[in-house]
Amino acid sequence: ATRPHQFREFRSTTSQTLVIPSVSSENRPYIPIGFIGKETIVSNLAFAIYNCEPWIFGLISSRIHMVWIRTVCGSLETRLRYSSGLGYNTFPFPQISDEKKAEISSLVFDIISAREMYSDGNLGDLYNNMPENLRILHDYLDKTIDSCYQVEPFESDTERIKLLFDLYEQKILSI
């Protein structure tokens, strides 16, 4: 109130922040997300998870999360819109062990390392035309995240979304 000319929210992190763009191309298999340091300010064009553990990157970068986002978040024209309220906060994910979190985190670091090989471009371009090594790492991450839900691989995205809505319904009914 003493400084009305400073109209902004003050948010900060002590370590790293995971940034998720609020709008992304519908042609990408994954929303290009990334970590930033504490010196970067996130604008209203992106969502931020402050002091984020690396395994959360893996969860948000997974196929099953993308299926959820494409189903519940809507779009801007044809582009995907990410929503923390509709997509992130409602995403049903089971409790996992510290060992599984470590396994996912290791894959996240592998993906980040692979992406650094293409640092001359931007993430949007990289995810529009994913190189084979990056696609393979994402496929392995997808299988690892899927295994948090069930032992057998999913046969389709339809099966994934059915399971997610069943889990969401159970969560709502237990409240």
N, C-alpha and C. Protein backbone atom coordinates (compact mmCIF):
# COMPACT_ATOMS: atom_id res chain seq x y z
N ALA A 1 0.82 -1.19 0.00
CA ALA A 1 0.00 0.00 0.00
C ALA A 1 0.86 1.26 0.00
N THR A 2 2.04 1.18 0.58
CA THR A 2 2.91 2.36 0.61
C THR A 2 3.62 2.57 -0.72
N ARG A 3 3.59 1.58 -1.61
CA ARG A 3 4.24 1.69 -2.92
C ARG A 3 3.26 1.22 -4.01
N PRO A 4 2.20 1.97 -4.29
CA PRO A 4 1.20 1.51 -5.25
C PRO A 4 1.74 1.39 -6.68
N HIS A 5 2.87 2.01 -6.97
CA HIS A 5 3.46 1.91 -8.31
C HIS A 5 4.09 0.53 -8.55
N GLN A 6 4.29 -0.25 -7.50
CA GLN A 6 4.88 -1.58 -7.64
C GLN A 6 3.77 -2.62 -7.58
N PHE A 7 3.11 -2.78 -8.71
CA PHE A 7 2.01 -3.74 -8.79
C PHE A 7 2.55 -5.06 -9.33
N ARG A 8 2.99 -5.91 -8.44
CA ARG A 8 3.45 -7.23 -8.83
C ARG A 8 3.50 -8.13 -7.61
N GLU A 9 3.46 -9.41 -7.90
CA GLU A 9 3.57 -10.39 -6.82
C GLU A 9 5.04 -10.68 -6.58
N PHE A 10 5.42 -10.80 -5.34
CA PHE A 10 6.79 -11.13 -5.01
C PHE A 10 6.86 -12.61 -4.64
N ARG A 11 7.47 -13.37 -5.50
CA ARG A 11 7.67 -14.79 -5.26
C ARG A 11 9.15 -15.07 -5.46
N SER A 12 9.67 -15.97 -4.66
CA SER A 12 11.08 -16.28 -4.80
C SER A 12 11.33 -17.71 -4.38
N THR A 13 12.52 -18.16 -4.66
CA THR A 13 12.92 -19.51 -4.35
C THR A 13 14.28 -19.49 -3.69
N THR A 14 14.57 -20.52 -2.95
CA THR A 14 15.90 -20.61 -2.35
C THR A 14 16.81 -21.52 -3.16
N SER A 15 16.23 -22.27 -4.08
CA SER A 15 17.06 -23.16 -4.89
C SER A 15 16.69 -23.01 -6.36
N GLN A 16 15.87 -23.89 -6.86
CA GLN A 16 15.51 -23.88 -8.29
C GLN A 16 14.00 -23.82 -8.43
N THR A 17 13.58 -23.33 -9.56
CA THR A 17 12.17 -23.22 -9.87
C THR A 17 11.89 -23.95 -11.16
N LEU A 18 10.82 -24.72 -11.17
CA LEU A 18 10.38 -25.39 -12.40
C LEU A 18 9.38 -24.46 -13.07
N VAL A 19 9.60 -24.16 -14.35
CA VAL A 19 8.74 -23.25 -15.09
C VAL A 19 7.99 -24.02 -16.16
N ILE A 20 6.67 -23.79 -16.20
CA ILE A 20 5.78 -24.43 -17.16
C ILE A 20 5.07 -23.33 -17.93
N PRO A 21 5.22 -23.27 -19.25
CA PRO A 21 4.53 -22.22 -20.00
C PRO A 21 3.01 -22.41 -19.93
N SER A 22 2.29 -21.31 -19.91
CA SER A 22 0.83 -21.40 -19.81
C SER A 22 0.19 -21.82 -21.13
N VAL A 23 0.89 -21.62 -22.24
CA VAL A 23 0.39 -22.03 -23.55
C VAL A 23 1.52 -22.71 -24.31
N SER A 24 1.20 -23.80 -24.99
CA SER A 24 2.20 -24.55 -25.74
C SER A 24 1.55 -25.11 -27.01
N SER A 25 2.36 -25.39 -27.99
CA SER A 25 1.86 -25.93 -29.25
C SER A 25 1.22 -27.30 -29.05
N GLU A 26 0.10 -27.50 -29.72
CA GLU A 26 -0.59 -28.78 -29.68
C GLU A 26 0.17 -29.86 -30.46
N ASN A 27 1.17 -29.45 -31.24
CA ASN A 27 1.93 -30.39 -32.06
C ASN A 27 3.09 -31.04 -31.31
N ARG A 28 3.36 -30.57 -30.12
CA ARG A 28 4.47 -31.14 -29.34
C ARG A 28 3.97 -32.31 -28.50
N PRO A 29 4.76 -33.37 -28.41
CA PRO A 29 4.34 -34.49 -27.56
C PRO A 29 4.39 -34.16 -26.07
N TYR A 30 5.21 -33.18 -25.69
CA TYR A 30 5.36 -32.76 -24.31
C TYR A 30 5.44 -31.24 -24.26
N ILE A 31 4.99 -30.67 -23.17
CA ILE A 31 5.17 -29.23 -22.96
C ILE A 31 6.63 -29.02 -22.56
N PRO A 32 7.34 -28.14 -23.25
CA PRO A 32 8.74 -27.91 -22.89
C PRO A 32 8.84 -27.11 -21.60
N ILE A 33 9.32 -27.77 -20.56
CA ILE A 33 9.46 -27.13 -19.25
C ILE A 33 10.92 -27.11 -18.88
N GLY A 34 11.27 -26.37 -17.85
CA GLY A 34 12.66 -26.34 -17.45
C GLY A 34 12.86 -25.70 -16.09
N PHE A 35 14.04 -25.93 -15.57
CA PHE A 35 14.44 -25.33 -14.30
C PHE A 35 15.12 -23.99 -14.55
N ILE A 36 14.89 -23.06 -13.65
CA ILE A 36 15.59 -21.78 -13.66
C ILE A 36 16.15 -21.53 -12.27
N GLY A 37 17.09 -20.64 -12.19
CA GLY A 37 17.70 -20.31 -10.91
C GLY A 37 16.90 -19.27 -10.15
N LYS A 38 17.35 -18.98 -8.94
CA LYS A 38 16.62 -18.05 -8.07
C LYS A 38 16.70 -16.61 -8.54
N GLU A 39 17.59 -16.31 -9.48
CA GLU A 39 17.73 -14.93 -9.96
C GLU A 39 16.70 -14.57 -11.04
N THR A 40 15.94 -15.54 -11.54
CA THR A 40 14.97 -15.31 -12.61
C THR A 40 13.58 -15.08 -12.04
N ILE A 41 12.89 -14.08 -12.57
CA ILE A 41 11.51 -13.79 -12.17
C ILE A 41 10.58 -14.38 -13.22
N VAL A 42 9.59 -15.12 -12.78
CA VAL A 42 8.64 -15.77 -13.68
C VAL A 42 7.47 -14.82 -13.91
N SER A 43 7.16 -14.59 -15.19
CA SER A 43 6.06 -13.68 -15.52
C SER A 43 4.72 -14.41 -15.47
N ASN A 44 3.67 -13.68 -15.79
CA ASN A 44 2.32 -14.26 -15.80
C ASN A 44 2.09 -15.19 -17.00
N LEU A 45 3.06 -15.34 -17.87
CA LEU A 45 2.93 -16.20 -19.03
C LEU A 45 3.36 -17.64 -18.74
N ALA A 46 3.71 -17.89 -17.50
CA ALA A 46 4.17 -19.23 -17.12
C ALA A 46 3.75 -19.52 -15.69
N PHE A 47 3.77 -20.79 -15.36
CA PHE A 47 3.54 -21.24 -13.99
C PHE A 47 4.88 -21.64 -13.40
N ALA A 48 5.00 -21.49 -12.10
CA ALA A 48 6.25 -21.82 -11.43
C ALA A 48 5.97 -22.71 -10.23
N ILE A 49 6.84 -23.69 -10.05
CA ILE A 49 6.84 -24.50 -8.85
C ILE A 49 8.17 -24.20 -8.17
N TYR A 50 8.09 -23.46 -7.07
CA TYR A 50 9.29 -23.02 -6.38
C TYR A 50 9.87 -24.14 -5.51
N ASN A 51 11.22 -24.16 -5.42
CA ASN A 51 11.93 -25.18 -4.64
C ASN A 51 11.46 -26.58 -5.03
N CYS A 52 11.36 -26.80 -6.32
CA CYS A 52 10.81 -28.04 -6.86
C CYS A 52 11.83 -29.18 -6.85
N GLU A 53 11.36 -30.33 -6.40
CA GLU A 53 12.21 -31.52 -6.46
C GLU A 53 12.28 -32.00 -7.91
N PRO A 54 13.42 -32.52 -8.33
CA PRO A 54 13.58 -32.92 -9.74
C PRO A 54 12.56 -33.94 -10.24
N TRP A 55 12.09 -34.85 -9.39
CA TRP A 55 11.18 -35.87 -9.87
C TRP A 55 9.85 -35.27 -10.34
N ILE A 56 9.48 -34.08 -9.84
CA ILE A 56 8.26 -33.41 -10.28
C ILE A 56 8.38 -33.04 -11.76
N PHE A 57 9.57 -32.63 -12.19
CA PHE A 57 9.83 -32.38 -13.61
C PHE A 57 9.44 -33.61 -14.42
N GLY A 58 9.87 -34.79 -13.96
CA GLY A 58 9.56 -36.03 -14.65
C GLY A 58 8.07 -36.30 -14.72
N LEU A 59 7.39 -36.05 -13.63
CA LEU A 59 5.95 -36.26 -13.59
C LEU A 59 5.24 -35.35 -14.59
N ILE A 60 5.58 -34.08 -14.59
CA ILE A 60 4.93 -33.12 -15.49
C ILE A 60 5.32 -33.37 -16.95
N SER A 61 6.50 -33.93 -17.17
CA SER A 61 6.96 -34.22 -18.52
C SER A 61 6.51 -35.59 -19.02
N SER A 62 5.66 -36.25 -18.30
CA SER A 62 5.25 -37.60 -18.69
C SER A 62 4.06 -37.60 -19.63
N ARG A 63 3.94 -38.67 -20.37
CA ARG A 63 2.81 -38.83 -21.29
C ARG A 63 1.48 -38.84 -20.55
N ILE A 64 1.43 -39.53 -19.40
CA ILE A 64 0.17 -39.63 -18.68
C ILE A 64 -0.28 -38.24 -18.18
N HIS A 65 0.67 -37.41 -17.79
CA HIS A 65 0.31 -36.04 -17.39
C HIS A 65 -0.17 -35.24 -18.60
N MET A 66 0.47 -35.44 -19.75
CA MET A 66 0.05 -34.75 -20.97
C MET A 66 -1.37 -35.16 -21.38
N VAL A 67 -1.69 -36.44 -21.21
CA VAL A 67 -3.05 -36.91 -21.51
C VAL A 67 -4.05 -36.19 -20.62
N TRP A 68 -3.72 -36.05 -19.35
CA TRP A 68 -4.59 -35.34 -18.39
C TRP A 68 -4.75 -33.87 -18.81
N ILE A 69 -3.66 -33.22 -19.13
CA ILE A 69 -3.68 -31.80 -19.50
C ILE A 69 -4.51 -31.60 -20.77
N ARG A 70 -4.30 -32.45 -21.77
CA ARG A 70 -5.07 -32.32 -23.02
C ARG A 70 -6.57 -32.52 -22.78
N THR A 71 -6.91 -33.30 -21.75
CA THR A 71 -8.31 -33.60 -21.48
C THR A 71 -8.99 -32.54 -20.62
N VAL A 72 -8.33 -32.06 -19.59
CA VAL A 72 -9.01 -31.20 -18.61
C VAL A 72 -8.69 -29.70 -18.70
N CYS A 73 -7.62 -29.33 -19.37
CA CYS A 73 -7.21 -27.92 -19.33
C CYS A 73 -7.75 -27.05 -20.46
N GLY A 74 -8.17 -27.63 -21.53
CA GLY A 74 -8.68 -26.82 -22.62
C GLY A 74 -7.57 -26.28 -23.50
N SER A 75 -7.94 -25.28 -24.30
CA SER A 75 -6.98 -24.76 -25.27
C SER A 75 -7.21 -23.28 -25.52
N LEU A 76 -6.23 -22.66 -26.12
CA LEU A 76 -6.32 -21.30 -26.62
C LEU A 76 -6.20 -21.45 -28.13
N GLU A 77 -7.29 -21.23 -28.84
CA GLU A 77 -7.40 -21.61 -30.25
C GLU A 77 -7.15 -23.12 -30.29
N THR A 78 -6.09 -23.58 -30.91
CA THR A 78 -5.80 -25.01 -30.91
C THR A 78 -4.63 -25.36 -29.99
N ARG A 79 -3.98 -24.34 -29.44
CA ARG A 79 -2.82 -24.58 -28.59
C ARG A 79 -3.22 -25.05 -27.19
N LEU A 80 -2.37 -25.85 -26.60
CA LEU A 80 -2.62 -26.35 -25.25
C LEU A 80 -2.50 -25.22 -24.23
N ARG A 81 -3.39 -25.23 -23.28
CA ARG A 81 -3.29 -24.30 -22.16
C ARG A 81 -3.02 -25.12 -20.91
N TYR A 82 -2.01 -24.73 -20.19
CA TYR A 82 -1.71 -25.39 -18.92
C TYR A 82 -2.41 -24.61 -17.83
N SER A 83 -2.91 -25.32 -16.85
CA SER A 83 -3.58 -24.67 -15.73
C SER A 83 -3.15 -25.35 -14.44
N SER A 84 -2.66 -24.55 -13.50
CA SER A 84 -2.27 -25.13 -12.22
C SER A 84 -3.50 -25.63 -11.48
N GLY A 85 -4.60 -24.90 -11.57
CA GLY A 85 -5.82 -25.28 -10.86
C GLY A 85 -6.51 -26.48 -11.46
N LEU A 86 -6.63 -26.51 -12.78
CA LEU A 86 -7.32 -27.61 -13.45
C LEU A 86 -6.42 -28.81 -13.70
N GLY A 87 -5.17 -28.56 -14.06
CA GLY A 87 -4.29 -29.64 -14.48
C GLY A 87 -3.37 -30.18 -13.41
N TYR A 88 -2.62 -29.30 -12.79
CA TYR A 88 -1.62 -29.75 -11.82
C TYR A 88 -2.26 -30.17 -10.50
N ASN A 89 -3.10 -29.32 -9.94
CA ASN A 89 -3.67 -29.59 -8.62
C ASN A 89 -4.65 -30.76 -8.61
N THR A 90 -5.23 -31.08 -9.74
CA THR A 90 -6.21 -32.18 -9.79
C THR A 90 -5.61 -33.48 -10.29
N PHE A 91 -4.37 -33.45 -10.74
CA PHE A 91 -3.75 -34.63 -11.35
C PHE A 91 -3.58 -35.73 -10.31
N PRO A 92 -4.25 -36.87 -10.50
CA PRO A 92 -4.14 -37.95 -9.53
C PRO A 92 -2.81 -38.71 -9.69
N PHE A 93 -2.04 -38.72 -8.64
CA PHE A 93 -0.76 -39.43 -8.68
C PHE A 93 -0.60 -40.16 -7.36
N PRO A 94 -0.27 -41.45 -7.42
CA PRO A 94 -0.15 -42.23 -6.19
C PRO A 94 1.10 -41.85 -5.39
N GLN A 95 1.08 -42.18 -4.12
CA GLN A 95 2.27 -42.03 -3.29
C GLN A 95 3.35 -42.97 -3.83
N ILE A 96 4.57 -42.48 -3.91
CA ILE A 96 5.66 -43.32 -4.39
C ILE A 96 6.81 -43.29 -3.39
N SER A 97 7.65 -44.29 -3.48
CA SER A 97 8.77 -44.40 -2.55
C SER A 97 9.88 -43.41 -2.90
N ASP A 98 10.78 -43.20 -1.96
CA ASP A 98 11.94 -42.35 -2.21
C ASP A 98 12.82 -42.96 -3.30
N GLU A 99 12.86 -44.28 -3.37
CA GLU A 99 13.64 -44.95 -4.41
C GLU A 99 13.08 -44.66 -5.79
N LYS A 100 11.75 -44.66 -5.92
CA LYS A 100 11.12 -44.37 -7.20
C LYS A 100 11.35 -42.90 -7.57
N LYS A 101 11.28 -42.02 -6.58
CA LYS A 101 11.57 -40.60 -6.83
C LYS A 101 13.00 -40.43 -7.33
N ALA A 102 13.93 -41.16 -6.74
CA ALA A 102 15.33 -41.09 -7.17
C ALA A 102 15.49 -41.62 -8.60
N GLU A 103 14.78 -42.69 -8.93
CA GLU A 103 14.83 -43.25 -10.28
C GLU A 103 14.31 -42.22 -11.30
N ILE A 104 13.20 -41.58 -10.97
CA ILE A 104 12.62 -40.57 -11.86
C ILE A 104 13.57 -39.38 -11.97
N SER A 105 14.14 -38.95 -10.85
CA SER A 105 15.08 -37.82 -10.86
C SER A 105 16.29 -38.11 -11.75
N SER A 106 16.79 -39.34 -11.70
CA SER A 106 17.92 -39.72 -12.54
C SER A 106 17.57 -39.57 -14.02
N LEU A 107 16.37 -39.99 -14.38
CA LEU A 107 15.91 -39.84 -15.77
C LEU A 107 15.77 -38.36 -16.14
N VAL A 108 15.31 -37.56 -15.21
CA VAL A 108 15.18 -36.12 -15.45
C VAL A 108 16.55 -35.53 -15.78
N PHE A 109 17.56 -35.89 -15.00
CA PHE A 109 18.90 -35.36 -15.24
C PHE A 109 19.44 -35.84 -16.59
N ASP A 110 19.09 -37.07 -16.98
CA ASP A 110 19.49 -37.56 -18.30
C ASP A 110 18.82 -36.75 -19.41
N ILE A 111 17.54 -36.42 -19.22
CA ILE A 111 16.82 -35.62 -20.22
C ILE A 111 17.42 -34.22 -20.31
N ILE A 112 17.71 -33.62 -19.17
CA ILE A 112 18.31 -32.29 -19.17
C ILE A 112 19.68 -32.32 -19.86
N SER A 113 20.46 -33.35 -19.60
CA SER A 113 21.78 -33.49 -20.25
C SER A 113 21.62 -33.63 -21.75
N ALA A 114 20.66 -34.43 -22.18
CA ALA A 114 20.42 -34.61 -23.62
C ALA A 114 19.99 -33.29 -24.25
N ARG A 115 19.16 -32.54 -23.56
CA ARG A 115 18.70 -31.26 -24.10
C ARG A 115 19.85 -30.27 -24.23
N GLU A 116 20.83 -30.35 -23.35
CA GLU A 116 21.97 -29.44 -23.41
C GLU A 116 22.81 -29.66 -24.67
N MET A 117 22.71 -30.84 -25.26
CA MET A 117 23.42 -31.11 -26.51
C MET A 117 22.88 -30.24 -27.65
N TYR A 118 21.68 -29.70 -27.48
CA TYR A 118 21.02 -28.90 -28.51
C TYR A 118 20.77 -27.48 -28.00
N SER A 119 21.69 -26.96 -27.22
CA SER A 119 21.49 -25.67 -26.56
C SER A 119 21.56 -24.48 -27.51
N ASP A 120 21.91 -24.71 -28.76
CA ASP A 120 21.97 -23.60 -29.71
C ASP A 120 20.58 -23.14 -30.15
N GLY A 121 19.55 -23.95 -29.91
CA GLY A 121 18.17 -23.59 -30.25
C GLY A 121 17.36 -23.35 -28.98
N ASN A 122 16.05 -23.28 -29.14
CA ASN A 122 15.20 -23.12 -27.96
C ASN A 122 14.40 -24.40 -27.70
N LEU A 123 13.83 -24.50 -26.51
CA LEU A 123 13.12 -25.71 -26.13
C LEU A 123 11.91 -25.98 -27.01
N GLY A 124 11.22 -24.93 -27.42
CA GLY A 124 10.06 -25.11 -28.30
C GLY A 124 10.44 -25.82 -29.58
N ASP A 125 11.51 -25.35 -30.23
CA ASP A 125 11.97 -25.98 -31.46
C ASP A 125 12.44 -27.41 -31.20
N LEU A 126 13.13 -27.61 -30.09
CA LEU A 126 13.62 -28.94 -29.74
C LEU A 126 12.48 -29.93 -29.59
N TYR A 127 11.38 -29.50 -28.96
CA TYR A 127 10.25 -30.40 -28.74
C TYR A 127 9.30 -30.47 -29.94
N ASN A 128 9.46 -29.56 -30.91
CA ASN A 128 8.71 -29.70 -32.16
C ASN A 128 9.28 -30.82 -33.01
N ASN A 129 10.59 -30.96 -32.99
CA ASN A 129 11.30 -31.99 -33.76
C ASN A 129 12.29 -32.68 -32.84
N MET A 130 11.78 -33.55 -31.98
CA MET A 130 12.63 -34.18 -30.97
C MET A 130 13.66 -35.11 -31.61
N PRO A 131 14.92 -34.93 -31.24
CA PRO A 131 15.95 -35.87 -31.68
C PRO A 131 15.69 -37.26 -31.08
N GLU A 132 16.19 -38.27 -31.73
CA GLU A 132 15.93 -39.65 -31.32
C GLU A 132 16.39 -39.93 -29.90
N ASN A 133 17.57 -39.44 -29.51
CA ASN A 133 18.06 -39.72 -28.15
C ASN A 133 17.15 -39.11 -27.08
N LEU A 134 16.60 -37.94 -27.34
CA LEU A 134 15.69 -37.31 -26.39
C LEU A 134 14.35 -38.04 -26.35
N ARG A 135 13.88 -38.46 -27.50
CA ARG A 135 12.62 -39.22 -27.56
C ARG A 135 12.74 -40.55 -26.79
N ILE A 136 13.86 -41.21 -26.92
CA ILE A 136 14.08 -42.48 -26.22
C ILE A 136 14.07 -42.25 -24.70
N LEU A 137 14.72 -41.19 -24.25
CA LEU A 137 14.73 -40.88 -22.82
C LEU A 137 13.32 -40.56 -22.31
N HIS A 138 12.55 -39.82 -23.09
CA HIS A 138 11.17 -39.52 -22.70
C HIS A 138 10.32 -40.80 -22.68
N ASP A 139 10.55 -41.68 -23.63
CA ASP A 139 9.82 -42.96 -23.63
C ASP A 139 10.11 -43.75 -22.36
N TYR A 140 11.38 -43.77 -21.96
CA TYR A 140 11.75 -44.50 -20.75
C TYR A 140 11.13 -43.83 -19.52
N LEU A 141 11.13 -42.50 -19.50
CA LEU A 141 10.49 -41.78 -18.40
C LEU A 141 9.00 -42.10 -18.35
N ASP A 142 8.35 -42.13 -19.52
CA ASP A 142 6.92 -42.46 -19.58
C ASP A 142 6.64 -43.84 -18.98
N LYS A 143 7.46 -44.80 -19.32
CA LYS A 143 7.28 -46.16 -18.78
C LYS A 143 7.48 -46.18 -17.27
N THR A 144 8.43 -45.40 -16.79
CA THR A 144 8.70 -45.35 -15.36
C THR A 144 7.55 -44.69 -14.61
N ILE A 145 7.04 -43.59 -15.14
CA ILE A 145 5.89 -42.93 -14.50
C ILE A 145 4.66 -43.82 -14.59
N ASP A 146 4.42 -44.44 -15.73
CA ASP A 146 3.29 -45.36 -15.87
C ASP A 146 3.35 -46.48 -14.84
N SER A 147 4.56 -46.95 -14.54
CA SER A 147 4.71 -48.05 -13.58
C SER A 147 4.32 -47.64 -12.16
N CYS A 148 4.21 -46.35 -11.91
CA CYS A 148 3.72 -45.88 -10.61
C CYS A 148 2.23 -46.17 -10.45
N TYR A 149 1.55 -46.34 -11.55
CA TYR A 149 0.11 -46.58 -11.55
C TYR A 149 -0.24 -48.06 -11.63
N GLN A 150 0.48 -48.79 -12.47
CA GLN A 150 0.18 -50.22 -12.64
C GLN A 150 1.40 -50.93 -13.19
N VAL A 151 1.45 -52.23 -12.95
CA VAL A 151 2.60 -53.03 -13.37
C VAL A 151 2.62 -53.22 -14.88
N GLU A 152 1.48 -53.58 -15.44
CA GLU A 152 1.39 -53.81 -16.89
C GLU A 152 1.39 -52.48 -17.64
N PRO A 153 2.03 -52.43 -18.80
CA PRO A 153 2.01 -51.19 -19.58
C PRO A 153 0.59 -50.84 -20.04
N PHE A 154 0.34 -49.56 -20.19
CA PHE A 154 -0.95 -49.12 -20.72
C PHE A 154 -1.02 -49.48 -22.20
N GLU A 155 -2.20 -49.83 -22.66
CA GLU A 155 -2.39 -50.14 -24.07
C GLU A 155 -2.68 -48.90 -24.91
N SER A 156 -3.22 -47.84 -24.26
CA SER A 156 -3.59 -46.65 -25.02
C SER A 156 -3.74 -45.46 -24.07
N ASP A 157 -3.83 -44.28 -24.68
CA ASP A 157 -4.11 -43.08 -23.89
C ASP A 157 -5.52 -43.11 -23.33
N THR A 158 -6.43 -43.78 -24.01
CA THR A 158 -7.79 -43.94 -23.50
C THR A 158 -7.78 -44.70 -22.18
N GLU A 159 -6.95 -45.73 -22.11
CA GLU A 159 -6.82 -46.49 -20.87
C GLU A 159 -6.21 -45.62 -19.76
N ARG A 160 -5.24 -44.80 -20.14
CA ARG A 160 -4.63 -43.89 -19.16
C ARG A 160 -5.67 -42.93 -18.59
N ILE A 161 -6.44 -42.28 -19.46
CA ILE A 161 -7.38 -41.27 -18.98
C ILE A 161 -8.51 -41.90 -18.18
N LYS A 162 -8.91 -43.10 -18.54
CA LYS A 162 -9.95 -43.79 -17.76
C LYS A 162 -9.45 -44.05 -16.34
N LEU A 163 -8.22 -44.54 -16.22
CA LEU A 163 -7.64 -44.77 -14.90
C LEU A 163 -7.54 -43.47 -14.11
N LEU A 164 -7.09 -42.41 -14.77
CA LEU A 164 -6.94 -41.13 -14.08
C LEU A 164 -8.28 -40.62 -13.56
N PHE A 165 -9.33 -40.72 -14.37
CA PHE A 165 -10.64 -40.27 -13.91
C PHE A 165 -11.18 -41.16 -12.79
N ASP A 166 -10.90 -42.44 -12.85
CA ASP A 166 -11.30 -43.33 -11.75
C ASP A 166 -10.59 -42.93 -10.45
N LEU A 167 -9.28 -42.66 -10.54
CA LEU A 167 -8.52 -42.24 -9.36
C LEU A 167 -8.99 -40.88 -8.85
N TYR A 168 -9.30 -39.99 -9.77
CA TYR A 168 -9.79 -38.67 -9.39
C TYR A 168 -11.13 -38.79 -8.66
N GLU A 169 -12.00 -39.63 -9.19
CA GLU A 169 -13.30 -39.84 -8.56
C GLU A 169 -13.14 -40.42 -7.15
N GLN A 170 -12.23 -41.38 -6.99
CA GLN A 170 -11.98 -41.95 -5.66
C GLN A 170 -11.46 -40.87 -4.70
N LYS A 171 -10.61 -40.00 -5.21
CA LYS A 171 -10.06 -38.92 -4.39
C LYS A 171 -11.16 -37.97 -3.93
N ILE A 172 -12.03 -37.61 -4.83
CA ILE A 172 -13.13 -36.69 -4.52
C ILE A 172 -14.10 -37.33 -3.53
N LEU A 173 -14.41 -38.59 -3.71
CA LEU A 173 -15.34 -39.28 -2.83
C LEU A 173 -14.79 -39.47 -1.43
N SER A 174 -13.47 -39.49 -1.30
CA SER A 174 -12.85 -39.70 0.02
C SER A 174 -12.73 -38.39 0.82
N ILE A 175 -13.04 -37.28 0.20
CA ILE A 175 -12.92 -35.99 0.90
C ILE A 175 -14.11 -35.75 1.80
